Amino acid sequence: MLRLGGRMMVPKFRAWNMPFGPKGPMQEMVHGKASSILAFAEMSPDEYIVEQSTGLKDANGKEIFEGDVVVPVMTILGKVKRMAHPFEVRASHYVYEKWIATYVSDRGFGVDGWYMGHQIEVIGNVHDNPELLEAQHDTRTD
């Protein structure tokens, strides 16, 4: 167990099986769902991606993992509004089970766009929904 943010946390992981490479079909496996994991007992390490839980839950109570695509949200007059572009939750972009940053500098402690778990919403993940991130990088004018 890890001690994060003053409390104990049992690390949770999910894995994506990729027997046909990153562009082929995948299957999600979540720790605690033994039937899914046992079916892939003979997997090669090159055929899967392992992602750790951040320990945070989003605005809807959904657990947030590395590789999730999230969008900042705010409740205004009882309605949830999306406030910025979606971004990918990456390893090391979350700290002490408290917040997630859109960018963390590798020089010093500079962060950009940090949000508490309840201020973001999971809208997909980079494996099933890569198009959620492509839209923000599309600079075409046609």
N, C-alpha and C. Protein backbone atom coordinates (compact mmCIF):
# COMPACT_ATOMS: atom_id res chain seq x y z
N MET A 1 0.84 -1.18 0.00
CA MET A 1 0.00 0.00 0.00
C MET A 1 0.88 1.24 0.00
N LEU A 2 0.38 2.28 -0.59
CA LEU A 2 1.07 3.56 -0.66
C LEU A 2 0.41 4.56 0.26
N ARG A 3 1.19 5.48 0.79
CA ARG A 3 0.62 6.57 1.57
C ARG A 3 0.66 7.81 0.70
N LEU A 4 -0.50 8.27 0.28
CA LEU A 4 -0.61 9.45 -0.56
C LEU A 4 -1.60 10.41 0.06
N GLY A 5 -1.20 11.67 0.16
CA GLY A 5 -2.11 12.67 0.69
C GLY A 5 -2.56 12.37 2.10
N GLY A 6 -1.72 11.71 2.90
CA GLY A 6 -2.04 11.45 4.29
C GLY A 6 -2.91 10.22 4.52
N ARG A 7 -3.22 9.46 3.48
CA ARG A 7 -4.03 8.26 3.67
C ARG A 7 -3.45 7.10 2.87
N MET A 8 -3.83 5.91 3.27
CA MET A 8 -3.32 4.71 2.61
C MET A 8 -4.14 4.44 1.35
N MET A 9 -3.42 4.01 0.30
CA MET A 9 -4.09 3.70 -0.96
C MET A 9 -3.57 2.38 -1.49
N VAL A 10 -4.46 1.48 -1.84
CA VAL A 10 -4.08 0.25 -2.50
C VAL A 10 -3.97 0.58 -3.98
N PRO A 11 -2.78 0.40 -4.58
CA PRO A 11 -2.65 0.74 -6.01
C PRO A 11 -3.59 -0.11 -6.87
N LYS A 12 -4.24 0.52 -7.83
CA LYS A 12 -5.12 -0.18 -8.76
C LYS A 12 -4.58 0.04 -10.16
N PHE A 13 -4.73 -0.96 -11.00
CA PHE A 13 -4.22 -0.89 -12.36
C PHE A 13 -5.27 -1.41 -13.34
N ARG A 14 -5.14 -0.98 -14.57
CA ARG A 14 -5.88 -1.60 -15.66
C ARG A 14 -4.86 -1.83 -16.77
N ALA A 15 -5.13 -2.81 -17.59
CA ALA A 15 -4.21 -3.13 -18.69
C ALA A 15 -5.01 -3.25 -19.98
N TRP A 16 -4.37 -2.86 -21.06
CA TRP A 16 -4.97 -2.97 -22.38
C TRP A 16 -4.20 -4.01 -23.16
N ASN A 17 -4.87 -5.07 -23.56
CA ASN A 17 -4.26 -6.14 -24.35
C ASN A 17 -4.19 -5.67 -25.80
N MET A 18 -2.97 -5.75 -26.39
CA MET A 18 -2.76 -5.28 -27.77
C MET A 18 -2.04 -6.34 -28.60
N PRO A 19 -2.63 -7.50 -28.82
CA PRO A 19 -1.92 -8.54 -29.56
C PRO A 19 -1.63 -8.17 -31.01
N PHE A 20 -2.33 -7.18 -31.55
CA PHE A 20 -2.14 -6.79 -32.94
C PHE A 20 -1.47 -5.42 -33.06
N GLY A 21 -0.84 -4.96 -31.98
CA GLY A 21 -0.16 -3.67 -32.00
C GLY A 21 -1.09 -2.55 -31.57
N PRO A 22 -0.55 -1.33 -31.47
CA PRO A 22 -1.34 -0.21 -30.96
C PRO A 22 -2.52 0.20 -31.82
N LYS A 23 -2.55 -0.17 -33.08
CA LYS A 23 -3.67 0.21 -33.96
C LYS A 23 -4.71 -0.90 -34.09
N GLY A 24 -4.42 -2.08 -33.54
CA GLY A 24 -5.35 -3.20 -33.65
C GLY A 24 -6.38 -3.20 -32.54
N PRO A 25 -7.27 -4.20 -32.53
CA PRO A 25 -8.28 -4.28 -31.48
C PRO A 25 -7.64 -4.51 -30.12
N MET A 26 -8.26 -3.96 -29.07
CA MET A 26 -7.75 -4.08 -27.71
C MET A 26 -8.86 -4.53 -26.79
N GLN A 27 -8.47 -5.04 -25.62
CA GLN A 27 -9.45 -5.36 -24.59
C GLN A 27 -8.94 -4.82 -23.27
N GLU A 28 -9.81 -4.12 -22.55
CA GLU A 28 -9.46 -3.57 -21.25
C GLU A 28 -9.58 -4.65 -20.19
N MET A 29 -8.62 -4.68 -19.27
CA MET A 29 -8.66 -5.59 -18.13
C MET A 29 -8.44 -4.75 -16.89
N VAL A 30 -9.32 -4.85 -15.91
CA VAL A 30 -9.21 -4.06 -14.69
C VAL A 30 -8.94 -4.98 -13.52
N HIS A 31 -7.99 -4.58 -12.67
CA HIS A 31 -7.68 -5.35 -11.47
C HIS A 31 -8.96 -5.57 -10.67
N GLY A 32 -9.17 -6.79 -10.24
CA GLY A 32 -10.37 -7.11 -9.49
C GLY A 32 -11.42 -7.83 -10.32
N LYS A 33 -11.25 -7.84 -11.62
CA LYS A 33 -12.16 -8.58 -12.50
C LYS A 33 -11.39 -9.80 -13.00
N ALA A 34 -11.30 -10.82 -12.16
CA ALA A 34 -10.44 -11.97 -12.43
C ALA A 34 -10.74 -12.66 -13.75
N SER A 35 -12.00 -12.76 -14.13
CA SER A 35 -12.33 -13.47 -15.37
C SER A 35 -11.68 -12.81 -16.57
N SER A 36 -11.56 -11.49 -16.57
CA SER A 36 -10.93 -10.79 -17.69
C SER A 36 -9.43 -11.03 -17.70
N ILE A 37 -8.81 -10.99 -16.53
CA ILE A 37 -7.36 -11.12 -16.45
C ILE A 37 -6.92 -12.56 -16.70
N LEU A 38 -7.63 -13.54 -16.18
CA LEU A 38 -7.24 -14.94 -16.35
C LEU A 38 -7.28 -15.37 -17.80
N ALA A 39 -8.12 -14.76 -18.60
CA ALA A 39 -8.22 -15.13 -20.01
C ALA A 39 -6.96 -14.76 -20.79
N PHE A 40 -6.11 -13.92 -20.22
CA PHE A 40 -4.91 -13.47 -20.91
C PHE A 40 -3.64 -13.87 -20.16
N ALA A 41 -3.64 -15.04 -19.55
CA ALA A 41 -2.50 -15.50 -18.75
C ALA A 41 -1.24 -15.68 -19.58
N GLU A 42 -1.35 -15.90 -20.87
CA GLU A 42 -0.19 -16.15 -21.73
C GLU A 42 0.25 -14.92 -22.52
N MET A 43 -0.05 -13.74 -22.04
CA MET A 43 0.29 -12.53 -22.77
C MET A 43 1.78 -12.24 -22.73
N SER A 44 2.29 -11.73 -23.82
CA SER A 44 3.67 -11.25 -23.88
C SER A 44 3.69 -9.83 -23.33
N PRO A 45 4.76 -9.42 -22.64
CA PRO A 45 4.83 -8.04 -22.12
C PRO A 45 4.70 -6.97 -23.20
N ASP A 46 5.05 -7.30 -24.44
CA ASP A 46 4.94 -6.33 -25.53
C ASP A 46 3.51 -6.16 -26.03
N GLU A 47 2.60 -6.97 -25.52
CA GLU A 47 1.22 -6.96 -26.02
C GLU A 47 0.25 -6.22 -25.11
N TYR A 48 0.74 -5.52 -24.09
CA TYR A 48 -0.19 -4.81 -23.24
C TYR A 48 0.40 -3.51 -22.70
N ILE A 49 -0.49 -2.62 -22.33
CA ILE A 49 -0.14 -1.35 -21.69
C ILE A 49 -0.79 -1.37 -20.31
N VAL A 50 -0.03 -1.06 -19.28
CA VAL A 50 -0.55 -1.02 -17.92
C VAL A 50 -0.69 0.44 -17.49
N GLU A 51 -1.85 0.77 -16.94
CA GLU A 51 -2.11 2.13 -16.47
C GLU A 51 -2.59 2.09 -15.03
N GLN A 52 -2.10 3.03 -14.22
CA GLN A 52 -2.44 3.07 -12.80
C GLN A 52 -3.56 4.06 -12.53
N SER A 53 -4.36 3.74 -11.52
CA SER A 53 -5.40 4.67 -11.08
C SER A 53 -4.73 5.87 -10.42
N THR A 54 -5.33 7.04 -10.58
CA THR A 54 -4.83 8.24 -9.91
C THR A 54 -5.29 8.30 -8.46
N GLY A 55 -6.27 7.49 -8.11
CA GLY A 55 -6.86 7.57 -6.78
C GLY A 55 -7.95 8.63 -6.70
N LEU A 56 -8.18 9.34 -7.80
CA LEU A 56 -9.19 10.39 -7.85
C LEU A 56 -10.45 9.90 -8.55
N LYS A 57 -11.55 10.53 -8.25
CA LYS A 57 -12.81 10.28 -8.95
C LYS A 57 -13.24 11.58 -9.62
N ASP A 58 -13.87 11.44 -10.79
CA ASP A 58 -14.28 12.63 -11.54
C ASP A 58 -15.59 13.20 -10.99
N ALA A 59 -16.13 14.20 -11.67
CA ALA A 59 -17.35 14.88 -11.25
C ALA A 59 -18.54 13.93 -11.13
N ASN A 60 -18.49 12.79 -11.84
CA ASN A 60 -19.57 11.80 -11.80
C ASN A 60 -19.26 10.62 -10.90
N GLY A 61 -18.13 10.67 -10.18
CA GLY A 61 -17.75 9.58 -9.28
C GLY A 61 -17.00 8.45 -9.96
N LYS A 62 -16.61 8.62 -11.22
CA LYS A 62 -15.88 7.58 -11.96
C LYS A 62 -14.39 7.66 -11.63
N GLU A 63 -13.78 6.51 -11.38
CA GLU A 63 -12.35 6.47 -11.08
C GLU A 63 -11.54 6.91 -12.29
N ILE A 64 -10.50 7.72 -12.04
CA ILE A 64 -9.67 8.27 -13.11
C ILE A 64 -8.36 7.51 -13.19
N PHE A 65 -8.04 6.98 -14.39
CA PHE A 65 -6.81 6.24 -14.64
C PHE A 65 -5.90 7.01 -15.58
N GLU A 66 -4.61 6.68 -15.55
CA GLU A 66 -3.70 7.15 -16.59
C GLU A 66 -4.30 6.71 -17.92
N GLY A 67 -4.17 7.52 -18.95
CA GLY A 67 -4.71 7.17 -20.26
C GLY A 67 -6.14 7.60 -20.48
N ASP A 68 -6.81 8.05 -19.41
CA ASP A 68 -8.17 8.57 -19.59
C ASP A 68 -8.10 9.94 -20.27
N VAL A 69 -9.12 10.24 -21.04
CA VAL A 69 -9.28 11.57 -21.62
C VAL A 69 -10.32 12.27 -20.75
N VAL A 70 -9.93 13.43 -20.22
CA VAL A 70 -10.80 14.17 -19.32
C VAL A 70 -11.00 15.59 -19.84
N VAL A 71 -12.05 16.23 -19.37
CA VAL A 71 -12.32 17.62 -19.73
C VAL A 71 -12.70 18.36 -18.45
N PRO A 72 -12.13 19.57 -18.25
CA PRO A 72 -12.51 20.36 -17.08
C PRO A 72 -13.98 20.78 -17.16
N VAL A 73 -14.67 20.69 -16.03
CA VAL A 73 -16.09 21.05 -15.98
C VAL A 73 -16.36 21.97 -14.79
N MET A 74 -17.47 22.68 -14.88
CA MET A 74 -17.91 23.54 -13.79
C MET A 74 -19.43 23.53 -13.78
N THR A 75 -20.02 23.52 -12.60
CA THR A 75 -21.47 23.57 -12.49
C THR A 75 -21.89 25.03 -12.38
N ILE A 76 -22.69 25.47 -13.34
CA ILE A 76 -23.18 26.84 -13.37
C ILE A 76 -24.70 26.79 -13.41
N LEU A 77 -25.32 27.37 -12.39
CA LEU A 77 -26.79 27.37 -12.28
C LEU A 77 -27.36 25.96 -12.41
N GLY A 78 -26.70 25.01 -11.77
CA GLY A 78 -27.18 23.63 -11.76
C GLY A 78 -26.88 22.81 -12.99
N LYS A 79 -26.19 23.40 -13.97
CA LYS A 79 -25.85 22.67 -15.19
C LYS A 79 -24.35 22.51 -15.30
N VAL A 80 -23.91 21.31 -15.70
CA VAL A 80 -22.48 21.05 -15.86
C VAL A 80 -22.04 21.57 -17.23
N LYS A 81 -21.04 22.42 -17.23
CA LYS A 81 -20.51 23.01 -18.47
C LYS A 81 -19.06 22.59 -18.64
N ARG A 82 -18.68 22.23 -19.86
CA ARG A 82 -17.28 21.94 -20.17
C ARG A 82 -16.55 23.26 -20.35
N MET A 83 -15.40 23.39 -19.69
CA MET A 83 -14.72 24.68 -19.61
C MET A 83 -13.45 24.80 -20.45
N ALA A 84 -12.91 23.70 -20.95
CA ALA A 84 -11.65 23.76 -21.70
C ALA A 84 -11.56 22.54 -22.60
N HIS A 85 -10.45 22.45 -23.33
CA HIS A 85 -10.23 21.31 -24.22
C HIS A 85 -9.94 20.04 -23.43
N PRO A 86 -10.29 18.89 -23.97
CA PRO A 86 -9.95 17.62 -23.33
C PRO A 86 -8.44 17.44 -23.28
N PHE A 87 -7.97 16.67 -22.30
CA PHE A 87 -6.56 16.33 -22.23
C PHE A 87 -6.40 14.92 -21.66
N GLU A 88 -5.25 14.32 -21.93
CA GLU A 88 -4.95 12.97 -21.46
C GLU A 88 -4.34 13.02 -20.07
N VAL A 89 -4.79 12.12 -19.19
CA VAL A 89 -4.18 11.97 -17.88
C VAL A 89 -2.92 11.13 -18.08
N ARG A 90 -1.78 11.67 -17.72
CA ARG A 90 -0.50 10.98 -17.93
C ARG A 90 0.16 10.65 -16.60
N ALA A 91 1.01 9.65 -16.62
CA ALA A 91 1.78 9.30 -15.42
C ALA A 91 2.54 10.55 -14.98
N SER A 92 2.60 10.79 -13.72
CA SER A 92 3.29 11.92 -13.07
C SER A 92 2.55 13.24 -13.22
N HIS A 93 1.39 13.27 -13.84
CA HIS A 93 0.62 14.51 -13.94
C HIS A 93 -0.45 14.60 -12.86
N TYR A 94 -0.39 13.74 -11.87
CA TYR A 94 -1.30 13.83 -10.75
C TYR A 94 -0.47 13.75 -9.47
N VAL A 95 -0.89 14.47 -8.45
CA VAL A 95 -0.07 14.60 -7.25
C VAL A 95 -0.90 14.38 -6.00
N TYR A 96 -0.43 13.51 -5.14
CA TYR A 96 -1.00 13.30 -3.80
C TYR A 96 -2.50 13.05 -3.79
N GLU A 97 -3.02 12.41 -4.81
CA GLU A 97 -4.46 12.14 -4.89
C GLU A 97 -5.29 13.40 -4.77
N LYS A 98 -4.74 14.53 -5.19
CA LYS A 98 -5.46 15.79 -5.02
C LYS A 98 -5.83 16.45 -6.33
N TRP A 99 -4.90 16.52 -7.28
CA TRP A 99 -5.18 17.23 -8.52
C TRP A 99 -4.45 16.60 -9.70
N ILE A 100 -4.91 16.97 -10.90
CA ILE A 100 -4.33 16.50 -12.16
C ILE A 100 -3.97 17.73 -12.98
N ALA A 101 -2.78 17.72 -13.58
CA ALA A 101 -2.33 18.86 -14.38
C ALA A 101 -2.35 18.50 -15.86
N THR A 102 -2.60 19.50 -16.70
CA THR A 102 -2.54 19.28 -18.14
C THR A 102 -1.09 19.23 -18.61
N TYR A 103 -0.19 19.86 -17.85
CA TYR A 103 1.23 19.89 -18.21
C TYR A 103 2.06 20.02 -16.94
N VAL A 104 3.14 19.25 -16.84
CA VAL A 104 4.09 19.37 -15.74
C VAL A 104 5.47 19.55 -16.33
N SER A 105 6.15 20.62 -15.94
CA SER A 105 7.48 20.91 -16.45
C SER A 105 8.49 19.93 -15.88
N ASP A 106 9.46 19.53 -16.70
CA ASP A 106 10.52 18.66 -16.19
C ASP A 106 11.66 19.49 -15.60
N ARG A 107 11.49 20.79 -15.57
CA ARG A 107 12.48 21.70 -14.98
C ARG A 107 11.82 22.45 -13.83
N GLY A 108 12.13 22.05 -12.63
CA GLY A 108 11.51 22.69 -11.48
C GLY A 108 10.12 22.13 -11.24
N PHE A 109 9.28 22.94 -10.63
CA PHE A 109 7.92 22.49 -10.32
C PHE A 109 6.91 23.40 -10.99
N GLY A 110 6.94 23.46 -12.30
CA GLY A 110 5.98 24.27 -13.02
C GLY A 110 4.84 23.41 -13.52
N VAL A 111 3.62 23.83 -13.26
CA VAL A 111 2.45 23.10 -13.75
C VAL A 111 1.53 24.08 -14.47
N ASP A 112 0.71 23.53 -15.34
CA ASP A 112 -0.25 24.34 -16.07
C ASP A 112 -1.59 23.63 -16.04
N GLY A 113 -2.64 24.38 -15.82
CA GLY A 113 -3.98 23.83 -15.88
C GLY A 113 -4.22 22.70 -14.92
N TRP A 114 -4.15 22.94 -13.61
CA TRP A 114 -4.37 21.85 -12.67
C TRP A 114 -5.81 21.88 -12.17
N TYR A 115 -6.35 20.67 -11.99
CA TYR A 115 -7.75 20.52 -11.62
C TYR A 115 -7.91 19.45 -10.54
N MET A 116 -8.81 19.69 -9.60
CA MET A 116 -9.18 18.68 -8.62
C MET A 116 -10.04 17.64 -9.35
N GLY A 117 -10.09 16.42 -8.82
CA GLY A 117 -10.85 15.36 -9.47
C GLY A 117 -12.29 15.74 -9.76
N HIS A 118 -12.96 16.39 -8.81
CA HIS A 118 -14.37 16.75 -9.01
C HIS A 118 -14.57 17.87 -10.03
N GLN A 119 -13.46 18.46 -10.52
CA GLN A 119 -13.55 19.52 -11.52
C GLN A 119 -13.33 19.02 -12.94
N ILE A 120 -13.22 17.71 -13.11
CA ILE A 120 -13.03 17.14 -14.45
C ILE A 120 -14.00 15.98 -14.65
N GLU A 121 -14.21 15.64 -15.91
CA GLU A 121 -15.11 14.55 -16.27
C GLU A 121 -14.38 13.63 -17.24
N VAL A 122 -14.40 12.32 -16.96
CA VAL A 122 -13.83 11.34 -17.88
C VAL A 122 -14.78 11.21 -19.06
N ILE A 123 -14.25 11.44 -20.28
CA ILE A 123 -15.10 11.34 -21.48
C ILE A 123 -14.66 10.21 -22.39
N GLY A 124 -13.62 9.48 -22.01
CA GLY A 124 -13.12 8.36 -22.80
C GLY A 124 -11.70 8.03 -22.40
N ASN A 125 -11.00 7.34 -23.29
CA ASN A 125 -9.59 7.03 -23.04
C ASN A 125 -8.85 7.05 -24.37
N VAL A 126 -7.52 7.13 -24.28
CA VAL A 126 -6.71 7.29 -25.50
C VAL A 126 -6.72 6.05 -26.38
N HIS A 127 -7.15 4.91 -25.86
CA HIS A 127 -7.15 3.67 -26.64
C HIS A 127 -8.43 3.51 -27.45
N ASP A 128 -9.57 3.77 -26.81
CA ASP A 128 -10.86 3.63 -27.50
C ASP A 128 -11.29 4.91 -28.20
N ASN A 129 -10.80 6.06 -27.72
CA ASN A 129 -11.28 7.35 -28.22
C ASN A 129 -10.16 8.33 -28.55
N PRO A 130 -9.18 7.96 -29.38
CA PRO A 130 -8.08 8.89 -29.68
C PRO A 130 -8.55 10.16 -30.38
N GLU A 131 -9.69 10.09 -31.04
CA GLU A 131 -10.22 11.26 -31.75
C GLU A 131 -10.58 12.40 -30.80
N LEU A 132 -10.81 12.09 -29.53
CA LEU A 132 -11.13 13.14 -28.56
C LEU A 132 -9.97 14.12 -28.38
N LEU A 133 -8.75 13.65 -28.58
CA LEU A 133 -7.57 14.51 -28.46
C LEU A 133 -7.16 15.10 -29.80
N GLU A 134 -7.49 14.43 -30.90
CA GLU A 134 -7.08 14.90 -32.23
C GLU A 134 -7.73 16.23 -32.57
N ALA A 135 -8.94 16.46 -32.13
CA ALA A 135 -9.66 17.69 -32.48
C ALA A 135 -8.92 18.93 -32.00
N GLN A 136 -8.29 18.86 -30.84
CA GLN A 136 -7.60 20.05 -30.32
C GLN A 136 -6.30 20.33 -31.05
N HIS A 137 -5.77 19.34 -31.77
CA HIS A 137 -4.52 19.53 -32.51
C HIS A 137 -4.77 19.81 -33.99
N ASP A 138 -6.02 19.74 -34.41
CA ASP A 138 -6.36 19.95 -35.82
C ASP A 138 -6.37 21.45 -36.12
N THR A 139 -5.41 21.90 -36.91
CA THR A 139 -5.30 23.33 -37.22
C THR A 139 -5.71 23.62 -38.66
N ARG A 140 -6.29 22.64 -39.35
CA ARG A 140 -6.72 22.86 -40.74
C ARG A 140 -7.83 23.89 -40.81
N THR A 141 -7.86 24.61 -41.91
CA THR A 141 -8.91 25.62 -42.09
C THR A 141 -9.90 25.24 -43.18
N ASP A 142 -9.75 24.04 -43.79
CA ASP A 142 -10.65 23.64 -44.88
C ASP A 142 -11.94 23.04 -44.39
